[in-house]
Amino acid sequence: MDTPSYTPSLQTRLGDSFSQWTAAFRAFARGLRVAMPGVIQSFNATQQTAIVQLALTDQVLQAGALVTITLPELVDVPVVLPRGGGFTLTMPLSLGDECLVVFGDMDIGAWWQSGGVGNNQIHLRRHSLADGFCIPGPWSQPRVLSNYSTSSAQLRSEDGTVVVDVAGSQITLTAPTVTVAGSSAVNITGGHCSIDGRTFLTHTHSGVSSGSGDSGPVV
């Protein structure tokens, strides 16, 4: 038997009830939160949570008409940073930093208070504004970085004055001041070590003479 070349559309199949299904689906979708850009209003460094203002407005149906509303600030939003194996990459989040808020499938309150697994939901809600995670990092076009490196990985300040640059065969530190502090020792191993162009391991001093006086500068 030949396969029919015509496949009726969903609207054709549902007929007059299509508009009702469409309205019901749109109403469901309006209450489903997944992810949204936001702007950090403040950061609690003790609890590592943020207050976030969502960057988009919403539209709700009121008296048969769509009305634009500003979504409320989200409070006590857990901040997501790279962390694992006993190490964490932190950053000094501040007012105006942009972020992505991802909303959990379920109520995260019990997990946030206790951690671990097996936490029962306090409220039986789904994709709620109350269950967001703040992921710093996304940025809008007015905040793009200048001099973005396409050949190395960098940990850098936004203005580029402080940079840790990791390339294929070298690591370069750039900053107005670089401080190295070792609580017990500082060990530097290299085939060639130089300070201001002067070789460190095999250097000589000028003005050397016998006696108790000091030698001259490094040659």
N, C-alpha and C. Protein backbone atom coordinates (compact mmCIF):
# COMPACT_ATOMS: atom_id res chain seq x y z
N MET A 1 0.85 -1.19 0.00
CA MET A 1 0.00 0.00 0.00
C MET A 1 0.88 1.24 0.00
N ASP A 2 0.56 2.16 -0.90
CA ASP A 2 1.33 3.40 -0.97
C ASP A 2 1.06 4.27 0.25
N THR A 3 2.12 4.97 0.69
CA THR A 3 1.98 5.90 1.80
C THR A 3 1.35 7.19 1.32
N PRO A 4 0.29 7.66 1.96
CA PRO A 4 -0.37 8.90 1.53
C PRO A 4 0.62 10.06 1.54
N SER A 5 0.55 10.88 0.51
CA SER A 5 1.45 12.02 0.41
C SER A 5 0.97 13.20 1.24
N TYR A 6 -0.30 13.15 1.66
CA TYR A 6 -0.86 14.27 2.42
C TYR A 6 -0.97 13.89 3.89
N THR A 7 -0.40 14.72 4.75
CA THR A 7 -0.49 14.51 6.20
C THR A 7 -1.24 15.70 6.79
N PRO A 8 -2.43 15.46 7.33
CA PRO A 8 -3.20 16.59 7.88
C PRO A 8 -2.48 17.24 9.05
N SER A 9 -2.57 18.54 9.12
CA SER A 9 -1.93 19.29 10.20
C SER A 9 -2.68 19.08 11.51
N LEU A 10 -2.01 19.47 12.61
CA LEU A 10 -2.64 19.35 13.92
C LEU A 10 -3.91 20.20 13.98
N GLN A 11 -3.83 21.38 13.37
CA GLN A 11 -5.00 22.26 13.38
C GLN A 11 -6.17 21.63 12.64
N THR A 12 -5.88 20.93 11.52
CA THR A 12 -6.93 20.27 10.76
C THR A 12 -7.55 19.14 11.57
N ARG A 13 -6.70 18.40 12.30
CA ARG A 13 -7.20 17.27 13.09
C ARG A 13 -8.08 17.73 14.24
N LEU A 14 -7.67 18.81 14.89
CA LEU A 14 -8.41 19.26 16.07
C LEU A 14 -9.63 20.11 15.71
N GLY A 15 -9.61 20.70 14.52
CA GLY A 15 -10.76 21.48 14.08
C GLY A 15 -11.02 22.68 14.98
N ASP A 16 -12.25 22.85 15.39
CA ASP A 16 -12.65 24.02 16.17
C ASP A 16 -12.00 24.06 17.54
N SER A 17 -11.56 22.89 18.04
CA SER A 17 -10.96 22.87 19.37
C SER A 17 -9.49 23.29 19.37
N PHE A 18 -8.90 23.54 18.20
CA PHE A 18 -7.48 23.90 18.10
C PHE A 18 -7.17 25.15 18.89
N SER A 19 -8.00 26.17 18.75
CA SER A 19 -7.74 27.44 19.44
C SER A 19 -7.79 27.26 20.95
N GLN A 20 -8.65 26.35 21.43
CA GLN A 20 -8.73 26.09 22.87
C GLN A 20 -7.45 25.42 23.36
N TRP A 21 -6.95 24.44 22.58
CA TRP A 21 -5.69 23.79 22.95
C TRP A 21 -4.54 24.78 22.91
N THR A 22 -4.53 25.65 21.92
CA THR A 22 -3.47 26.66 21.81
C THR A 22 -3.47 27.59 23.01
N ALA A 23 -4.64 28.04 23.40
CA ALA A 23 -4.75 28.94 24.55
C ALA A 23 -4.29 28.24 25.82
N ALA A 24 -4.69 26.97 25.96
CA ALA A 24 -4.30 26.21 27.16
C ALA A 24 -2.79 26.01 27.21
N PHE A 25 -2.19 25.71 26.06
CA PHE A 25 -0.74 25.51 26.03
C PHE A 25 0.00 26.81 26.34
N ARG A 26 -0.47 27.92 25.79
CA ARG A 26 0.18 29.21 26.05
C ARG A 26 0.08 29.59 27.52
N ALA A 27 -1.05 29.30 28.11
CA ALA A 27 -1.21 29.59 29.54
C ALA A 27 -0.25 28.74 30.37
N PHE A 28 -0.09 27.48 29.98
CA PHE A 28 0.85 26.60 30.68
C PHE A 28 2.29 27.09 30.51
N ALA A 29 2.64 27.48 29.27
CA ALA A 29 4.00 27.91 28.99
C ALA A 29 4.36 29.19 29.74
N ARG A 30 3.39 30.09 29.93
CA ARG A 30 3.67 31.35 30.63
C ARG A 30 4.06 31.12 32.09
N GLY A 31 3.61 30.03 32.65
CA GLY A 31 3.96 29.74 34.04
C GLY A 31 5.16 28.84 34.20
N LEU A 32 5.79 28.44 33.08
CA LEU A 32 6.92 27.53 33.11
C LEU A 32 8.22 28.31 32.99
N ARG A 33 9.01 28.34 34.05
CA ARG A 33 10.28 29.07 34.05
C ARG A 33 11.42 28.10 33.79
N VAL A 34 12.30 28.44 32.87
CA VAL A 34 13.44 27.59 32.54
C VAL A 34 14.76 28.32 32.78
N ALA A 35 14.99 29.40 32.05
CA ALA A 35 16.23 30.17 32.21
C ALA A 35 16.00 31.58 31.70
N MET A 36 16.70 32.54 32.30
CA MET A 36 16.49 33.93 31.94
C MET A 36 17.73 34.76 32.32
N PRO A 37 18.12 35.74 31.49
CA PRO A 37 19.22 36.62 31.90
C PRO A 37 18.79 37.53 33.04
N GLY A 38 19.76 37.88 33.87
CA GLY A 38 19.48 38.76 34.99
C GLY A 38 20.66 39.65 35.29
N VAL A 39 20.45 40.60 36.21
CA VAL A 39 21.50 41.52 36.64
C VAL A 39 21.59 41.44 38.16
N ILE A 40 22.78 41.17 38.66
CA ILE A 40 23.00 41.04 40.10
C ILE A 40 22.85 42.40 40.78
N GLN A 41 22.02 42.44 41.83
CA GLN A 41 21.81 43.66 42.60
C GLN A 41 22.71 43.72 43.83
N SER A 42 22.98 42.56 44.42
CA SER A 42 23.91 42.48 45.55
C SER A 42 24.35 41.03 45.71
N PHE A 43 25.48 40.86 46.40
CA PHE A 43 26.05 39.53 46.62
C PHE A 43 26.37 39.36 48.08
N ASN A 44 25.90 38.26 48.67
CA ASN A 44 26.18 37.94 50.06
C ASN A 44 27.36 36.98 50.09
N ALA A 45 28.55 37.51 50.45
CA ALA A 45 29.76 36.70 50.41
C ALA A 45 29.79 35.64 51.51
N THR A 46 28.98 35.81 52.54
CA THR A 46 28.95 34.82 53.63
C THR A 46 28.14 33.60 53.22
N GLN A 47 26.94 33.83 52.70
CA GLN A 47 26.10 32.73 52.28
C GLN A 47 26.29 32.36 50.81
N GLN A 48 27.06 33.16 50.07
CA GLN A 48 27.30 32.96 48.64
C GLN A 48 25.99 32.86 47.85
N THR A 49 25.12 33.84 48.11
CA THR A 49 23.87 33.98 47.38
C THR A 49 23.78 35.40 46.83
N ALA A 50 22.88 35.58 45.87
CA ALA A 50 22.74 36.89 45.24
C ALA A 50 21.28 37.31 45.20
N ILE A 51 21.08 38.62 45.16
CA ILE A 51 19.78 39.17 44.80
C ILE A 51 19.86 39.55 43.32
N VAL A 52 18.93 39.05 42.53
CA VAL A 52 18.99 39.22 41.07
C VAL A 52 17.70 39.84 40.55
N GLN A 53 17.86 40.85 39.70
CA GLN A 53 16.72 41.38 38.97
C GLN A 53 16.73 40.78 37.57
N LEU A 54 15.67 40.08 37.22
CA LEU A 54 15.59 39.49 35.89
C LEU A 54 15.57 40.60 34.84
N ALA A 55 16.25 40.35 33.72
CA ALA A 55 16.47 41.40 32.73
C ALA A 55 15.32 41.56 31.75
N LEU A 56 14.38 40.63 31.75
CA LEU A 56 13.28 40.68 30.81
C LEU A 56 11.96 40.94 31.54
N THR A 57 11.07 41.61 30.85
CA THR A 57 9.72 41.75 31.38
C THR A 57 8.88 40.55 30.94
N ASP A 58 7.72 40.41 31.51
CA ASP A 58 6.83 39.31 31.17
C ASP A 58 5.50 39.87 30.69
N GLN A 59 4.75 39.05 30.00
CA GLN A 59 3.42 39.45 29.56
C GLN A 59 2.40 38.47 30.11
N VAL A 60 1.39 38.98 30.77
CA VAL A 60 0.35 38.15 31.36
C VAL A 60 -1.00 38.59 30.81
N LEU A 61 -1.93 37.66 30.82
CA LEU A 61 -3.27 37.94 30.32
C LEU A 61 -4.14 38.45 31.44
N GLN A 62 -4.61 39.68 31.31
CA GLN A 62 -5.49 40.28 32.30
C GLN A 62 -6.71 40.87 31.58
N ALA A 63 -7.90 40.39 31.99
CA ALA A 63 -9.16 40.86 31.39
C ALA A 63 -9.13 40.74 29.87
N GLY A 64 -8.54 39.64 29.39
CA GLY A 64 -8.53 39.38 27.95
C GLY A 64 -7.47 40.12 27.18
N ALA A 65 -6.60 40.87 27.85
CA ALA A 65 -5.55 41.62 27.16
C ALA A 65 -4.19 41.30 27.76
N LEU A 66 -3.15 41.34 26.91
CA LEU A 66 -1.79 41.11 27.39
C LEU A 66 -1.25 42.37 28.05
N VAL A 67 -0.73 42.20 29.26
CA VAL A 67 -0.19 43.32 30.03
C VAL A 67 1.28 43.03 30.34
N THR A 68 2.15 44.00 30.10
CA THR A 68 3.58 43.84 30.40
C THR A 68 3.84 44.15 31.87
N ILE A 69 4.54 43.24 32.54
CA ILE A 69 4.85 43.43 33.96
C ILE A 69 6.35 43.22 34.19
N THR A 70 6.87 43.85 35.22
CA THR A 70 8.26 43.65 35.65
C THR A 70 8.28 42.54 36.68
N LEU A 71 9.11 41.55 36.43
CA LEU A 71 9.19 40.43 37.36
C LEU A 71 9.89 40.88 38.65
N PRO A 72 9.55 40.26 39.78
CA PRO A 72 10.13 40.69 41.06
C PRO A 72 11.61 40.31 41.17
N GLU A 73 12.32 41.02 42.05
CA GLU A 73 13.69 40.62 42.37
C GLU A 73 13.70 39.22 42.98
N LEU A 74 14.70 38.44 42.62
CA LEU A 74 14.87 37.12 43.21
C LEU A 74 15.87 37.22 44.35
N VAL A 75 15.53 36.71 45.51
CA VAL A 75 16.40 36.82 46.68
C VAL A 75 16.96 35.45 47.06
N ASP A 76 18.09 35.46 47.75
CA ASP A 76 18.74 34.23 48.22
C ASP A 76 18.95 33.23 47.09
N VAL A 77 19.43 33.71 45.95
CA VAL A 77 19.66 32.84 44.80
C VAL A 77 21.06 32.22 44.93
N PRO A 78 21.18 30.89 45.02
CA PRO A 78 22.51 30.27 45.11
C PRO A 78 23.34 30.59 43.87
N VAL A 79 24.61 30.93 44.10
CA VAL A 79 25.51 31.28 43.01
C VAL A 79 26.31 30.05 42.59
N VAL A 80 26.39 29.82 41.29
CA VAL A 80 27.10 28.66 40.74
C VAL A 80 28.49 29.10 40.28
N LEU A 81 29.53 28.54 40.90
CA LEU A 81 30.91 28.80 40.52
C LEU A 81 31.62 27.47 40.31
N PRO A 82 32.68 27.41 39.48
CA PRO A 82 33.42 26.16 39.31
C PRO A 82 33.99 25.69 40.65
N ARG A 83 33.61 24.48 41.07
CA ARG A 83 34.04 23.97 42.37
C ARG A 83 34.08 22.46 42.35
N GLY A 84 35.11 21.88 42.95
CA GLY A 84 35.20 20.43 43.03
C GLY A 84 36.57 20.00 43.50
N GLY A 85 36.64 18.82 44.10
CA GLY A 85 37.92 18.26 44.52
C GLY A 85 38.64 19.08 45.58
N GLY A 86 37.89 19.86 46.34
CA GLY A 86 38.51 20.68 47.38
C GLY A 86 39.00 22.03 46.90
N PHE A 87 38.69 22.41 45.67
CA PHE A 87 39.14 23.70 45.13
C PHE A 87 37.95 24.46 44.56
N THR A 88 38.05 25.79 44.57
CA THR A 88 36.98 26.65 44.08
C THR A 88 37.57 27.86 43.37
N LEU A 89 36.95 28.26 42.26
CA LEU A 89 37.29 29.51 41.60
C LEU A 89 36.26 30.54 42.02
N THR A 90 36.68 31.55 42.76
CA THR A 90 35.75 32.57 43.24
C THR A 90 36.00 33.88 42.50
N MET A 91 35.02 34.77 42.58
CA MET A 91 35.16 36.09 41.99
C MET A 91 34.33 37.09 42.79
N PRO A 92 34.76 38.34 42.85
CA PRO A 92 34.07 39.34 43.66
C PRO A 92 32.85 39.90 42.93
N LEU A 93 31.73 39.20 42.99
CA LEU A 93 30.53 39.64 42.29
C LEU A 93 30.04 40.96 42.86
N SER A 94 29.51 41.81 41.99
CA SER A 94 29.09 43.14 42.45
C SER A 94 27.87 43.61 41.66
N LEU A 95 27.31 44.71 42.11
CA LEU A 95 26.14 45.31 41.49
C LEU A 95 26.38 45.55 40.00
N GLY A 96 25.45 45.10 39.18
CA GLY A 96 25.54 45.32 37.74
C GLY A 96 26.09 44.15 36.96
N ASP A 97 26.70 43.17 37.64
CA ASP A 97 27.20 41.99 36.94
C ASP A 97 26.03 41.22 36.33
N GLU A 98 26.19 40.82 35.08
CA GLU A 98 25.14 40.06 34.41
C GLU A 98 25.28 38.58 34.70
N CYS A 99 24.17 37.84 34.60
CA CYS A 99 24.18 36.43 34.94
C CYS A 99 23.06 35.72 34.19
N LEU A 100 23.06 34.41 34.30
CA LEU A 100 21.97 33.58 33.78
C LEU A 100 21.32 32.89 34.97
N VAL A 101 20.02 33.03 35.10
CA VAL A 101 19.29 32.35 36.18
C VAL A 101 18.60 31.12 35.59
N VAL A 102 18.94 29.96 36.13
CA VAL A 102 18.33 28.69 35.71
C VAL A 102 17.41 28.22 36.82
N PHE A 103 16.19 27.87 36.47
CA PHE A 103 15.19 27.51 37.47
C PHE A 103 15.08 26.00 37.60
N GLY A 104 15.11 25.52 38.86
CA GLY A 104 15.06 24.10 39.13
C GLY A 104 13.70 23.49 38.79
N ASP A 105 13.71 22.19 38.51
CA ASP A 105 12.46 21.48 38.24
C ASP A 105 11.54 21.47 39.46
N MET A 106 12.16 21.42 40.65
CA MET A 106 11.38 21.29 41.89
C MET A 106 11.85 22.30 42.92
N ASP A 107 11.17 22.33 44.04
CA ASP A 107 11.53 23.20 45.17
C ASP A 107 12.91 22.80 45.69
N ILE A 108 13.87 23.74 45.70
CA ILE A 108 15.24 23.44 46.12
C ILE A 108 15.50 23.82 47.57
N GLY A 109 14.47 24.29 48.29
CA GLY A 109 14.67 24.82 49.63
C GLY A 109 15.32 23.86 50.60
N ALA A 110 14.83 22.61 50.66
CA ALA A 110 15.37 21.62 51.61
C ALA A 110 16.82 21.29 51.29
N TRP A 111 17.12 21.14 49.99
CA TRP A 111 18.52 20.87 49.61
C TRP A 111 19.41 22.04 49.97
N TRP A 112 18.95 23.28 49.73
CA TRP A 112 19.77 24.44 49.99
C TRP A 112 20.10 24.56 51.48
N GLN A 113 19.17 24.19 52.34
CA GLN A 113 19.39 24.28 53.78
C GLN A 113 20.26 23.15 54.31
N SER A 114 20.11 21.93 53.73
CA SER A 114 20.74 20.75 54.34
C SER A 114 21.82 20.11 53.48
N GLY A 115 21.77 20.29 52.15
CA GLY A 115 22.72 19.62 51.28
C GLY A 115 22.47 18.13 51.22
N GLY A 116 23.38 17.40 50.59
CA GLY A 116 23.25 15.95 50.51
C GLY A 116 22.13 15.52 49.57
N VAL A 117 21.66 14.28 49.76
CA VAL A 117 20.61 13.72 48.91
C VAL A 117 19.41 13.32 49.75
N GLY A 118 18.33 12.93 49.08
CA GLY A 118 17.14 12.46 49.78
C GLY A 118 16.32 13.56 50.42
N ASN A 119 16.46 14.80 49.93
CA ASN A 119 15.70 15.91 50.50
C ASN A 119 14.27 15.91 49.95
N ASN A 120 13.30 15.97 50.85
CA ASN A 120 11.91 16.06 50.44
C ASN A 120 11.56 17.50 50.09
N GLN A 121 10.70 17.67 49.10
CA GLN A 121 10.27 19.01 48.72
C GLN A 121 9.43 19.63 49.83
N ILE A 122 9.71 20.90 50.10
CA ILE A 122 8.89 21.63 51.06
C ILE A 122 7.59 22.06 50.40
N HIS A 123 7.68 22.50 49.14
CA HIS A 123 6.50 22.90 48.38
C HIS A 123 6.46 22.10 47.08
N LEU A 124 5.30 21.64 46.68
CA LEU A 124 5.16 20.87 45.44
C LEU A 124 4.98 21.81 44.26
N ARG A 125 6.05 22.54 43.92
CA ARG A 125 6.00 23.49 42.81
C ARG A 125 6.98 23.04 41.72
N ARG A 126 6.79 23.57 40.53
CA ARG A 126 7.62 23.21 39.39
C ARG A 126 8.07 24.48 38.67
N HIS A 127 9.37 24.55 38.36
CA HIS A 127 9.93 25.65 37.56
C HIS A 127 9.47 27.02 38.09
N SER A 128 9.66 27.21 39.37
CA SER A 128 9.20 28.43 40.02
C SER A 128 10.30 29.49 40.03
N LEU A 129 9.89 30.77 40.06
CA LEU A 129 10.85 31.86 40.23
C LEU A 129 11.62 31.75 41.54
N ALA A 130 11.07 31.00 42.49
CA ALA A 130 11.70 30.87 43.80
C ALA A 130 12.85 29.87 43.82
N ASP A 131 13.06 29.15 42.72
CA ASP A 131 14.05 28.07 42.71
C ASP A 131 15.14 28.29 41.68
N GLY A 132 15.66 29.51 41.63
CA GLY A 132 16.67 29.84 40.64
C GLY A 132 18.09 29.60 41.12
N PHE A 133 18.99 29.38 40.16
CA PHE A 133 20.43 29.32 40.39
C PHE A 133 21.07 30.42 39.56
N CYS A 134 21.96 31.20 40.17
CA CYS A 134 22.61 32.32 39.50
C CYS A 134 23.97 31.88 38.95
N ILE A 135 24.11 31.91 37.62
CA ILE A 135 25.36 31.55 36.97
C ILE A 135 25.99 32.82 36.39
N PRO A 136 27.02 33.37 37.03
CA PRO A 136 27.65 34.59 36.50
C PRO A 136 28.35 34.27 35.19
N GLY A 137 28.43 35.28 34.30
CA GLY A 137 29.21 35.07 33.10
C GLY A 137 28.62 35.56 31.81
N PRO A 138 27.35 35.25 31.50
CA PRO A 138 26.82 35.77 30.23
C PRO A 138 26.85 37.30 30.22
N TRP A 139 27.09 37.87 29.05
CA TRP A 139 27.07 39.33 29.00
C TRP A 139 26.41 39.81 27.71
N SER A 140 25.83 40.98 27.82
CA SER A 140 25.18 41.61 26.67
C SER A 140 26.22 42.36 25.85
N GLN A 141 25.84 42.79 24.66
CA GLN A 141 26.78 43.44 23.74
C GLN A 141 27.43 44.70 24.31
N PRO A 142 26.74 45.51 25.14
CA PRO A 142 27.43 46.68 25.69
C PRO A 142 28.59 46.33 26.62
N ARG A 143 28.68 45.04 27.05
CA ARG A 143 29.72 44.67 28.01
C ARG A 143 30.72 43.67 27.44
N VAL A 144 30.85 43.61 26.11
CA VAL A 144 31.81 42.68 25.53
C VAL A 144 33.23 43.08 25.95
N LEU A 145 34.12 42.09 26.03
CA LEU A 145 35.49 42.31 26.45
C LEU A 145 36.31 42.85 25.28
N SER A 146 37.20 43.76 25.57
CA SER A 146 38.15 44.23 24.56
C SER A 146 39.37 43.30 24.55
N ASN A 147 40.01 43.19 23.40
CA ASN A 147 41.23 42.39 23.25
C ASN A 147 41.03 40.94 23.72
N TYR A 148 39.93 40.34 23.30
CA TYR A 148 39.66 38.93 23.65
C TYR A 148 40.69 38.04 22.96
N SER A 149 41.37 37.21 23.74
CA SER A 149 42.40 36.35 23.18
C SER A 149 41.78 35.13 22.51
N THR A 150 42.16 34.89 21.27
CA THR A 150 41.69 33.72 20.53
C THR A 150 42.75 32.63 20.43
N SER A 151 43.88 32.81 21.13
CA SER A 151 44.97 31.84 21.03
C SER A 151 45.43 31.31 22.39
N SER A 152 44.78 31.74 23.47
CA SER A 152 45.19 31.29 24.80
C SER A 152 44.01 31.36 25.75
N ALA A 153 44.13 30.67 26.89
CA ALA A 153 43.14 30.78 27.96
C ALA A 153 43.61 31.85 28.93
N GLN A 154 42.67 32.66 29.41
CA GLN A 154 43.05 33.76 30.28
C GLN A 154 42.14 33.86 31.50
N LEU A 155 42.75 34.18 32.63
CA LEU A 155 42.05 34.69 33.80
C LEU A 155 42.44 36.15 33.87
N ARG A 156 41.46 37.06 33.69
CA ARG A 156 41.82 38.46 33.49
C ARG A 156 40.80 39.39 34.11
N SER A 157 41.25 40.62 34.35
CA SER A 157 40.32 41.68 34.71
C SER A 157 39.64 42.15 33.43
N GLU A 158 38.46 42.75 33.56
CA GLU A 158 37.73 43.16 32.36
C GLU A 158 38.49 44.20 31.56
N ASP A 159 39.25 45.08 32.24
CA ASP A 159 39.98 46.11 31.50
C ASP A 159 41.31 45.62 30.95
N GLY A 160 41.69 44.37 31.24
CA GLY A 160 42.89 43.79 30.68
C GLY A 160 44.19 44.19 31.33
N THR A 161 44.14 44.91 32.46
CA THR A 161 45.39 45.32 33.11
C THR A 161 46.00 44.20 33.94
N VAL A 162 45.20 43.21 34.32
CA VAL A 162 45.70 42.05 35.07
C VAL A 162 45.31 40.81 34.29
N VAL A 163 46.32 40.01 33.89
CA VAL A 163 46.05 38.86 33.03
C VAL A 163 46.95 37.70 33.44
N VAL A 164 46.35 36.52 33.59
CA VAL A 164 47.09 35.26 33.66
C VAL A 164 46.80 34.56 32.34
N ASP A 165 47.80 34.48 31.48
CA ASP A 165 47.63 33.97 30.12
C ASP A 165 48.31 32.60 30.00
N VAL A 166 47.52 31.59 29.62
CA VAL A 166 48.03 30.23 29.46
C VAL A 166 47.96 29.87 27.99
N ALA A 167 49.13 29.79 27.35
CA ALA A 167 49.21 29.44 25.93
C ALA A 167 49.77 28.02 25.81
N GLY A 168 50.04 27.62 24.56
CA GLY A 168 50.48 26.24 24.34
C GLY A 168 51.78 25.88 25.01
N SER A 169 52.71 26.85 25.13
CA SER A 169 54.03 26.52 25.66
C SER A 169 54.51 27.48 26.73
N GLN A 170 53.64 28.38 27.20
CA GLN A 170 54.09 29.32 28.22
C GLN A 170 52.92 29.88 29.02
N ILE A 171 53.24 30.37 30.21
CA ILE A 171 52.29 31.07 31.06
C ILE A 171 52.85 32.47 31.29
N THR A 172 52.03 33.48 31.05
CA THR A 172 52.47 34.86 31.19
C THR A 172 51.59 35.57 32.21
N LEU A 173 52.22 36.20 33.20
CA LEU A 173 51.52 37.00 34.20
C LEU A 173 51.75 38.47 33.90
N THR A 174 50.67 39.21 33.81
CA THR A 174 50.77 40.65 33.56
C THR A 174 49.95 41.38 34.60
N ALA A 175 50.59 42.30 35.33
CA ALA A 175 49.89 43.08 36.37
C ALA A 175 50.80 44.22 36.82
N PRO A 176 50.22 45.30 37.31
CA PRO A 176 51.07 46.37 37.87
C PRO A 176 51.96 45.89 39.00
N THR A 177 51.45 44.96 39.83
CA THR A 177 52.23 44.40 40.92
C THR A 177 51.96 42.90 40.99
N VAL A 178 53.02 42.11 41.11
CA VAL A 178 52.89 40.66 41.26
C VAL A 178 53.54 40.27 42.59
N THR A 179 52.79 39.62 43.45
CA THR A 179 53.29 39.20 44.76
C THR A 179 53.25 37.68 44.85
N VAL A 180 54.38 37.08 45.25
CA VAL A 180 54.45 35.64 45.47
C VAL A 180 54.73 35.43 46.95
N ALA A 181 53.83 34.74 47.64
CA ALA A 181 53.99 34.51 49.08
C ALA A 181 53.93 33.02 49.37
N GLY A 182 54.98 32.49 49.95
CA GLY A 182 55.01 31.08 50.33
C GLY A 182 55.05 30.97 51.84
N SER A 183 54.14 30.19 52.43
CA SER A 183 54.11 30.08 53.89
C SER A 183 55.31 29.33 54.45
N SER A 184 55.93 28.46 53.63
CA SER A 184 57.12 27.75 54.12
C SER A 184 58.29 27.87 53.15
N ALA A 185 58.04 27.94 51.85
CA ALA A 185 59.14 28.04 50.89
C ALA A 185 58.59 28.49 49.54
N VAL A 186 59.46 29.06 48.73
CA VAL A 186 59.16 29.38 47.35
C VAL A 186 60.21 28.70 46.49
N ASN A 187 59.81 27.80 45.63
CA ASN A 187 60.73 27.05 44.79
C ASN A 187 60.51 27.41 43.32
N ILE A 188 61.59 27.81 42.66
CA ILE A 188 61.53 28.13 41.24
C ILE A 188 62.52 27.25 40.51
N THR A 189 62.02 26.46 39.57
CA THR A 189 62.88 25.57 38.80
C THR A 189 62.73 25.89 37.33
N GLY A 190 63.85 26.10 36.66
CA GLY A 190 63.78 26.41 35.23
C GLY A 190 65.15 26.30 34.61
N GLY A 191 65.18 25.98 33.31
CA GLY A 191 66.46 25.87 32.63
C GLY A 191 67.15 27.22 32.49
N HIS A 192 66.34 28.28 32.44
CA HIS A 192 66.91 29.63 32.31
C HIS A 192 66.04 30.58 33.12
N CYS A 193 66.61 31.18 34.16
CA CYS A 193 65.89 32.13 34.99
C CYS A 193 66.55 33.50 34.86
N SER A 194 65.74 34.52 34.56
CA SER A 194 66.31 35.85 34.43
C SER A 194 65.41 36.87 35.11
N ILE A 195 66.02 37.94 35.60
CA ILE A 195 65.31 39.04 36.23
C ILE A 195 65.77 40.32 35.52
N ASP A 196 64.85 41.02 34.89
CA ASP A 196 65.17 42.21 34.11
C ASP A 196 66.28 41.94 33.10
N GLY A 197 66.23 40.75 32.48
CA GLY A 197 67.20 40.42 31.44
C GLY A 197 68.52 39.90 31.94
N ARG A 198 68.71 39.82 33.26
CA ARG A 198 69.96 39.33 33.82
C ARG A 198 69.78 37.89 34.29
N THR A 199 70.69 37.02 33.89
CA THR A 199 70.60 35.60 34.24
C THR A 199 70.76 35.42 35.74
N PHE A 200 69.88 34.65 36.34
CA PHE A 200 69.88 34.51 37.79
C PHE A 200 70.85 33.42 38.26
N LEU A 201 70.88 32.27 37.59
CA LEU A 201 71.65 31.13 38.10
C LEU A 201 73.16 31.31 37.91
N THR A 202 73.57 31.91 36.81
CA THR A 202 75.01 32.00 36.52
C THR A 202 75.50 33.45 36.48
N HIS A 203 74.82 34.34 37.17
CA HIS A 203 75.19 35.75 37.07
C HIS A 203 76.48 36.06 37.83
N THR A 204 77.09 37.17 37.50
CA THR A 204 78.28 37.65 38.21
C THR A 204 78.01 39.06 38.71
N HIS A 205 78.86 39.52 39.63
CA HIS A 205 78.71 40.86 40.19
C HIS A 205 79.89 41.73 39.78
N SER A 206 79.62 43.00 39.61
CA SER A 206 80.69 43.94 39.31
C SER A 206 81.31 44.45 40.61
N GLY A 207 82.51 45.05 40.50
CA GLY A 207 83.17 45.66 41.65
C GLY A 207 83.55 44.67 42.73
N VAL A 208 83.88 43.44 42.35
CA VAL A 208 84.22 42.42 43.35
C VAL A 208 85.66 42.61 43.80
N SER A 209 85.88 42.60 45.10
CA SER A 209 87.24 42.65 45.65
C SER A 209 87.23 41.92 46.98
N SER A 210 88.40 41.49 47.37
CA SER A 210 88.47 40.77 48.64
C SER A 210 88.21 41.71 49.81
N GLY A 211 87.74 41.16 50.90
CA GLY A 211 87.48 41.98 52.05
C GLY A 211 86.01 41.86 52.49
N SER A 212 85.61 42.74 53.37
CA SER A 212 84.28 42.66 53.94
C SER A 212 83.26 43.56 53.26
N GLY A 213 83.66 44.28 52.20
CA GLY A 213 82.75 45.19 51.54
C GLY A 213 81.71 44.46 50.68
N ASP A 214 80.69 45.20 50.27
CA ASP A 214 79.65 44.64 49.40
C ASP A 214 80.09 44.71 47.95
N SER A 215 79.65 43.70 47.16
CA SER A 215 79.95 43.71 45.74
C SER A 215 79.03 44.67 45.02
N GLY A 216 79.34 44.93 43.75
CA GLY A 216 78.54 45.83 42.94
C GLY A 216 77.29 45.15 42.40
N PRO A 217 76.54 45.83 41.54
CA PRO A 217 75.31 45.27 40.97
C PRO A 217 75.57 44.03 40.13
N VAL A 218 74.49 43.27 39.88
CA VAL A 218 74.58 42.09 39.03
C VAL A 218 74.92 42.51 37.61
N VAL A 219 75.81 41.79 36.98
CA VAL A 219 76.20 42.08 35.61
C VAL A 219 75.20 41.40 34.66
